[in-house]
Protein backbone atom coordinates (compact mmCIF):
# COMPACT_ATOMS: atom_id res chain seq x y z
CA MET A 1 -1.68 18.33 8.18
CA ALA A 2 1.29 16.11 7.37
CA SER A 3 2.26 15.56 3.76
CA VAL A 4 1.54 12.24 2.09
CA GLU A 5 5.22 11.34 2.18
CA GLU A 6 5.60 12.22 5.87
CA THR A 7 2.50 10.26 6.79
CA GLN A 8 3.53 7.23 4.75
CA ALA A 9 7.09 7.27 6.02
CA THR A 10 6.09 7.19 9.67
CA ASP A 11 2.84 5.22 9.73
CA ALA A 12 2.92 2.50 7.08
CA SER A 13 5.17 0.10 8.96
CA ASP A 14 3.70 -2.03 11.74
CA GLU A 15 6.51 -1.15 14.11
CA GLY A 16 6.14 2.61 13.61
CA GLU A 17 9.81 2.79 12.64
CA PRO A 18 10.93 4.91 9.70
CA LEU A 19 10.76 3.09 6.39
CA THR A 20 13.86 2.12 4.46
CA PRO A 21 14.35 3.79 1.07
CA GLU A 22 13.14 0.59 -0.65
CA GLU A 23 10.02 0.49 1.54
CA GLU A 24 9.35 4.17 0.85
CA ARG A 25 9.58 3.49 -2.89
CA LEU A 26 7.12 0.61 -2.60
CA VAL A 27 4.70 2.67 -0.51
CA ASP A 28 4.89 5.61 -2.93
CA GLN A 29 4.25 3.35 -5.91
CA ALA A 30 1.43 1.54 -4.10
CA TRP A 31 -0.16 4.87 -3.14
CA ASP A 32 -0.14 5.93 -6.81
CA VAL A 33 -1.60 2.59 -7.95
CA ILE A 34 -4.42 2.73 -5.38
CA ALA A 35 -5.31 6.27 -6.45
CA ALA A 36 -5.19 5.37 -10.16
CA VAL A 37 -7.36 2.26 -9.81
CA LEU A 38 -9.93 4.24 -7.84
CA GLY A 39 -9.79 7.16 -10.27
CA ARG A 40 -8.68 9.54 -7.53
CA ASP A 41 -5.89 12.00 -6.98
CA GLY A 42 -3.24 10.76 -4.54
CA ASP A 43 -4.01 13.74 -2.32
CA ASP A 44 -7.55 12.36 -1.83
CA LEU A 45 -6.15 9.35 0.04
CA GLU A 46 -5.36 9.19 3.75
CA LEU A 47 -3.91 6.23 5.61
CA ASP A 48 -7.15 5.87 7.54
CA SER A 49 -9.36 6.26 4.45
CA ARG A 50 -11.76 3.33 4.42
CA LEU A 51 -11.80 1.62 1.06
CA ALA A 52 -15.55 1.01 0.88
CA GLU A 53 -17.02 3.81 2.96
CA ASP A 54 -14.69 6.71 2.13
CA LEU A 55 -13.35 5.76 -1.31
CA ASP A 56 -16.41 3.91 -2.70
CA ALA A 57 -14.33 0.84 -3.53
CA ASP A 58 -16.51 -2.22 -4.02
CA ASP A 59 -15.16 -5.79 -3.92
CA MET A 60 -14.21 -5.68 -7.61
CA ALA A 61 -12.28 -2.42 -7.16
CA VAL A 62 -10.38 -3.85 -4.19
CA THR A 63 -9.52 -6.96 -6.21
CA ASN A 64 -8.39 -4.69 -9.07
CA ILE A 65 -6.16 -2.80 -6.62
CA ALA A 66 -4.53 -6.05 -5.54
CA SER A 67 -4.02 -7.21 -9.13
CA ALA A 68 -2.59 -3.85 -10.21
CA LEU A 69 -0.24 -3.77 -7.22
CA GLU A 70 1.01 -7.29 -7.94
CA LEU A 71 1.70 -6.37 -11.57
CA GLU A 72 3.18 -2.92 -10.94
CA LEU A 73 5.32 -3.82 -7.94
CA GLY A 74 6.11 -7.44 -8.76
CA VAL A 75 4.73 -8.50 -5.38
CA ASP A 76 2.92 -11.83 -5.03
CA GLY A 77 0.26 -12.77 -2.51
CA LEU A 78 -1.74 -9.55 -2.34
CA ILE A 79 -4.86 -11.18 -3.79
CA ASP A 80 -4.87 -13.44 -0.72
CA GLU A 81 -4.82 -10.38 1.56
CA VAL A 82 -7.83 -8.43 0.23
CA ALA A 83 -10.30 -9.90 2.72
CA ASP A 84 -8.33 -8.18 5.50
CA TRP A 85 -8.25 -4.76 3.83
CA THR A 86 -10.43 -2.06 5.33
CA THR A 87 -8.22 1.03 4.98
CA VAL A 88 -5.46 2.33 2.73
CA ASP A 89 -3.04 1.59 5.58
CA ASP A 90 -4.12 -2.08 5.50
CA VAL A 91 -3.23 -2.21 1.80
CA LEU A 92 0.17 -0.62 2.38
CA ASP A 93 0.91 -2.96 5.28
CA SER A 94 0.14 -5.92 3.02
CA VAL A 95 2.40 -4.54 0.30
CA LEU A 96 5.27 -4.22 2.77
CA TYR A 97 4.60 -7.67 4.24
CA CYS A 98 4.36 -9.40 0.86
CA ALA A 99 7.41 -7.51 -0.43
CA GLU A 100 9.69 -8.71 2.38
CA ASP A 101 10.92 -11.63 0.28
CA ILE A 102 11.67 -9.33 -2.66
CA THR A 103 13.53 -6.72 -0.62
CA ALA A 104 15.49 -9.42 1.23
CA ALA A 105 16.47 -10.97 -2.10
CA ASN A 106 17.69 -7.56 -3.28
CA GLY A 107 19.81 -7.19 -0.19
CA THR A 108 17.60 -4.59 1.48
CA ALA A 109 16.02 -6.38 4.39
CA THR A 110 12.88 -4.84 5.89
CA ALA A 111 12.38 -4.31 9.59
């Protein structure tokens, strides 16, 4: 089984390309936030873990994930994405998508 970092680094971007260091940092932080909000260990999460079915996250928990991610990462717009979240990978994709403006402003454009 691949490590969390290996899985995140290869699968969390839509294009399947390796993540930039900035994207890896965001994904790592997001992973930790998701686990913390759900009261789980990070090792309990998989990219294909379903939020409701596998992780017992109800609508309030998913909204709390979005709020915590926005606060922790300084990323706006995640609350608007929650309706599209089914898996952990969906959450991470949204983080990377919503963070594009931030990383571009910092001079580290995302792919």
